Amino acid sequence: MWWIFLSVGLAAAGLAVLAFFAARVFTAVRELAAQVAASGEALAAAGDRLQRAAAPVARRAGEITRR
């Protein structure tokens, strides 16, 4: 009879360990998602700055080719 209690106890301990690691993975995924969102916003801002910086150069290049 003691082996039933032992197996149930080990199963519960195993589930507790799995729940702990699942919570850690969930937290890490949330942090990664926040970092990906921040990186996406930074890339979008850099793209906008590049587009604004390239506009005068493109106009000058158009003037050079028209001459």
N, C-alpha and C. Protein backbone atom coordinates (compact mmCIF):
# COMPACT_ATOMS: atom_id res chain seq x y z
N MET A 1 0.82 -1.20 0.00
CA MET A 1 0.00 0.00 0.00
C MET A 1 0.86 1.26 0.00
N TRP A 2 2.02 1.17 0.61
CA TRP A 2 2.88 2.35 0.68
C TRP A 2 3.38 2.77 -0.69
N TRP A 3 3.49 1.81 -1.62
CA TRP A 3 3.99 2.14 -2.96
C TRP A 3 3.00 3.01 -3.73
N ILE A 4 1.70 2.90 -3.42
CA ILE A 4 0.69 3.77 -4.07
C ILE A 4 0.91 5.21 -3.63
N PHE A 5 1.11 5.40 -2.33
CA PHE A 5 1.35 6.75 -1.83
C PHE A 5 2.65 7.32 -2.39
N LEU A 6 3.65 6.47 -2.50
CA LEU A 6 4.93 6.91 -3.06
C LEU A 6 4.80 7.32 -4.52
N SER A 7 4.08 6.51 -5.30
CA SER A 7 3.94 6.84 -6.72
C SER A 7 3.10 8.11 -6.92
N VAL A 8 2.06 8.28 -6.13
CA VAL A 8 1.25 9.51 -6.22
C VAL A 8 2.07 10.71 -5.78
N GLY A 9 2.86 10.55 -4.75
CA GLY A 9 3.71 11.66 -4.29
C GLY A 9 4.76 12.04 -5.32
N LEU A 10 5.38 11.04 -5.94
CA LEU A 10 6.37 11.33 -6.99
C LEU A 10 5.72 11.97 -8.22
N ALA A 11 4.54 11.52 -8.57
CA ALA A 11 3.83 12.12 -9.70
C ALA A 11 3.49 13.58 -9.41
N ALA A 12 3.04 13.86 -8.20
CA ALA A 12 2.71 15.24 -7.82
C ALA A 12 3.97 16.10 -7.81
N ALA A 13 5.07 15.54 -7.32
CA ALA A 13 6.32 16.30 -7.32
C ALA A 13 6.78 16.58 -8.74
N GLY A 14 6.63 15.59 -9.61
CA GLY A 14 7.00 15.79 -11.01
C GLY A 14 6.15 16.86 -11.67
N LEU A 15 4.86 16.85 -11.39
CA LEU A 15 3.98 17.89 -11.95
C LEU A 15 4.33 19.26 -11.40
N ALA A 16 4.72 19.33 -10.15
CA ALA A 16 5.11 20.62 -9.57
C ALA A 16 6.37 21.15 -10.25
N VAL A 17 7.31 20.27 -10.52
CA VAL A 17 8.53 20.68 -11.22
C VAL A 17 8.20 21.16 -12.63
N LEU A 18 7.35 20.41 -13.33
CA LEU A 18 6.95 20.82 -14.68
C LEU A 18 6.21 22.16 -14.66
N ALA A 19 5.37 22.37 -13.68
CA ALA A 19 4.65 23.65 -13.58
C ALA A 19 5.62 24.80 -13.33
N PHE A 20 6.63 24.57 -12.51
CA PHE A 20 7.62 25.60 -12.24
C PHE A 20 8.36 25.99 -13.52
N PHE A 21 8.81 24.98 -14.27
CA PHE A 21 9.55 25.29 -15.50
C PHE A 21 8.64 25.88 -16.58
N ALA A 22 7.37 25.48 -16.60
CA ALA A 22 6.43 26.08 -17.54
C ALA A 22 6.25 27.57 -17.23
N ALA A 23 6.20 27.92 -15.97
CA ALA A 23 6.07 29.33 -15.58
C ALA A 23 7.32 30.11 -15.99
N ARG A 24 8.50 29.50 -15.83
CA ARG A 24 9.74 30.17 -16.24
C ARG A 24 9.78 30.37 -17.76
N VAL A 25 9.34 29.37 -18.51
CA VAL A 25 9.31 29.49 -19.97
C VAL A 25 8.32 30.58 -20.38
N PHE A 26 7.17 30.62 -19.74
CA PHE A 26 6.18 31.64 -20.05
C PHE A 26 6.74 33.04 -19.80
N THR A 27 7.45 33.22 -18.70
CA THR A 27 8.06 34.51 -18.40
C THR A 27 9.13 34.88 -19.43
N ALA A 28 9.94 33.91 -19.81
CA ALA A 28 10.99 34.16 -20.80
C ALA A 28 10.38 34.51 -22.16
N VAL A 29 9.30 33.87 -22.52
CA VAL A 29 8.64 34.16 -23.80
C VAL A 29 8.05 35.56 -23.79
N ARG A 30 7.47 35.97 -22.67
CA ARG A 30 6.94 37.33 -22.58
C ARG A 30 8.05 38.36 -22.72
N GLU A 31 9.20 38.11 -22.07
CA GLU A 31 10.33 39.04 -22.19
C GLU A 31 10.85 39.08 -23.62
N LEU A 32 10.93 37.92 -24.26
CA LEU A 32 11.39 37.87 -25.65
C LEU A 32 10.44 38.61 -26.57
N ALA A 33 9.14 38.46 -26.36
CA ALA A 33 8.16 39.17 -27.17
C ALA A 33 8.30 40.68 -27.01
N ALA A 34 8.56 41.13 -25.79
CA ALA A 34 8.75 42.57 -25.56
C ALA A 34 10.01 43.06 -26.27
N GLN A 35 11.07 42.26 -26.24
CA GLN A 35 12.30 42.65 -26.92
C GLN A 35 12.11 42.68 -28.44
N VAL A 36 11.37 41.72 -28.96
CA VAL A 36 11.10 41.69 -30.40
C VAL A 36 10.27 42.91 -30.81
N ALA A 37 9.29 43.27 -29.99
CA ALA A 37 8.48 44.45 -30.29
C ALA A 37 9.33 45.72 -30.25
N ALA A 38 10.20 45.83 -29.27
CA ALA A 38 11.07 47.00 -29.18
C ALA A 38 12.02 47.06 -30.38
N SER A 39 12.53 45.92 -30.78
CA SER A 39 13.43 45.88 -31.94
C SER A 39 12.69 46.26 -33.21
N GLY A 40 11.47 45.81 -33.34
CA GLY A 40 10.66 46.18 -34.51
C GLY A 40 10.40 47.67 -34.57
N GLU A 41 10.11 48.26 -33.42
CA GLU A 41 9.89 49.71 -33.38
C GLU A 41 11.18 50.46 -33.71
N ALA A 42 12.31 49.96 -33.20
CA ALA A 42 13.59 50.61 -33.50
C ALA A 42 13.92 50.50 -34.97
N LEU A 43 13.64 49.35 -35.58
CA LEU A 43 13.89 49.19 -37.02
C LEU A 43 12.98 50.10 -37.84
N ALA A 44 11.74 50.23 -37.43
CA ALA A 44 10.82 51.12 -38.15
C ALA A 44 11.29 52.57 -38.05
N ALA A 45 11.73 52.97 -36.87
CA ALA A 45 12.24 54.34 -36.71
C ALA A 45 13.50 54.55 -37.54
N ALA A 46 14.38 53.57 -37.57
CA ALA A 46 15.60 53.70 -38.38
C ALA A 46 15.26 53.76 -39.86
N GLY A 47 14.27 52.99 -40.28
CA GLY A 47 13.84 53.03 -41.68
C GLY A 47 13.27 54.40 -42.05
N ASP A 48 12.50 54.98 -41.15
CA ASP A 48 11.95 56.32 -41.40
C ASP A 48 13.07 57.35 -41.49
N ARG A 49 14.05 57.26 -40.58
CA ARG A 49 15.18 58.20 -40.63
C ARG A 49 15.97 58.03 -41.92
N LEU A 50 16.17 56.81 -42.34
CA LEU A 50 16.90 56.55 -43.58
C LEU A 50 16.14 57.10 -44.78
N GLN A 51 14.84 56.93 -44.78
CA GLN A 51 14.03 57.43 -45.89
C GLN A 51 14.08 58.96 -45.94
N ARG A 52 14.01 59.62 -44.77
CA ARG A 52 14.09 61.08 -44.75
C ARG A 52 15.48 61.55 -45.20
N ALA A 53 16.52 60.81 -44.81
CA ALA A 53 17.88 61.21 -45.18
C ALA A 53 18.15 60.94 -46.67
N ALA A 54 17.50 59.94 -47.22
CA ALA A 54 17.76 59.59 -48.62
C ALA A 54 16.98 60.46 -49.60
N ALA A 55 15.92 61.10 -49.15
CA ALA A 55 15.10 61.90 -50.06
C ALA A 55 15.90 63.02 -50.73
N PRO A 56 16.67 63.84 -49.99
CA PRO A 56 17.44 64.88 -50.68
C PRO A 56 18.50 64.31 -51.63
N VAL A 57 19.10 63.21 -51.25
CA VAL A 57 20.09 62.58 -52.11
C VAL A 57 19.44 62.08 -53.39
N ALA A 58 18.26 61.52 -53.29
CA ALA A 58 17.55 61.04 -54.47
C ALA A 58 17.17 62.19 -55.38
N ARG A 59 16.75 63.32 -54.79
CA ARG A 59 16.42 64.48 -55.62
C ARG A 59 17.66 64.98 -56.36
N ARG A 60 18.80 65.03 -55.64
CA ARG A 60 20.05 65.46 -56.28
C ARG A 60 20.47 64.49 -57.38
N ALA A 61 20.28 63.22 -57.16
CA ALA A 61 20.63 62.24 -58.17
C ALA A 61 19.75 62.42 -59.40
N GLY A 62 18.48 62.74 -59.19
CA GLY A 62 17.58 63.00 -60.32
C GLY A 62 18.01 64.23 -61.08
N GLU A 63 18.49 65.24 -60.37
CA GLU A 63 18.96 66.46 -61.05
C GLU A 63 20.23 66.18 -61.85
N ILE A 64 21.09 65.35 -61.35
CA ILE A 64 22.33 65.03 -62.05
C ILE A 64 22.03 64.29 -63.34
N THR A 65 21.11 63.37 -63.32
CA THR A 65 20.81 62.59 -64.52
C THR A 65 20.05 63.40 -65.56
N ARG A 66 19.38 64.46 -65.18
CA ARG A 66 18.62 65.27 -66.14
C ARG A 66 19.50 66.22 -66.92
N ARG A 67 20.70 66.49 -66.47
CA ARG A 67 21.56 67.47 -67.15
C ARG A 67 22.10 66.99 -68.44
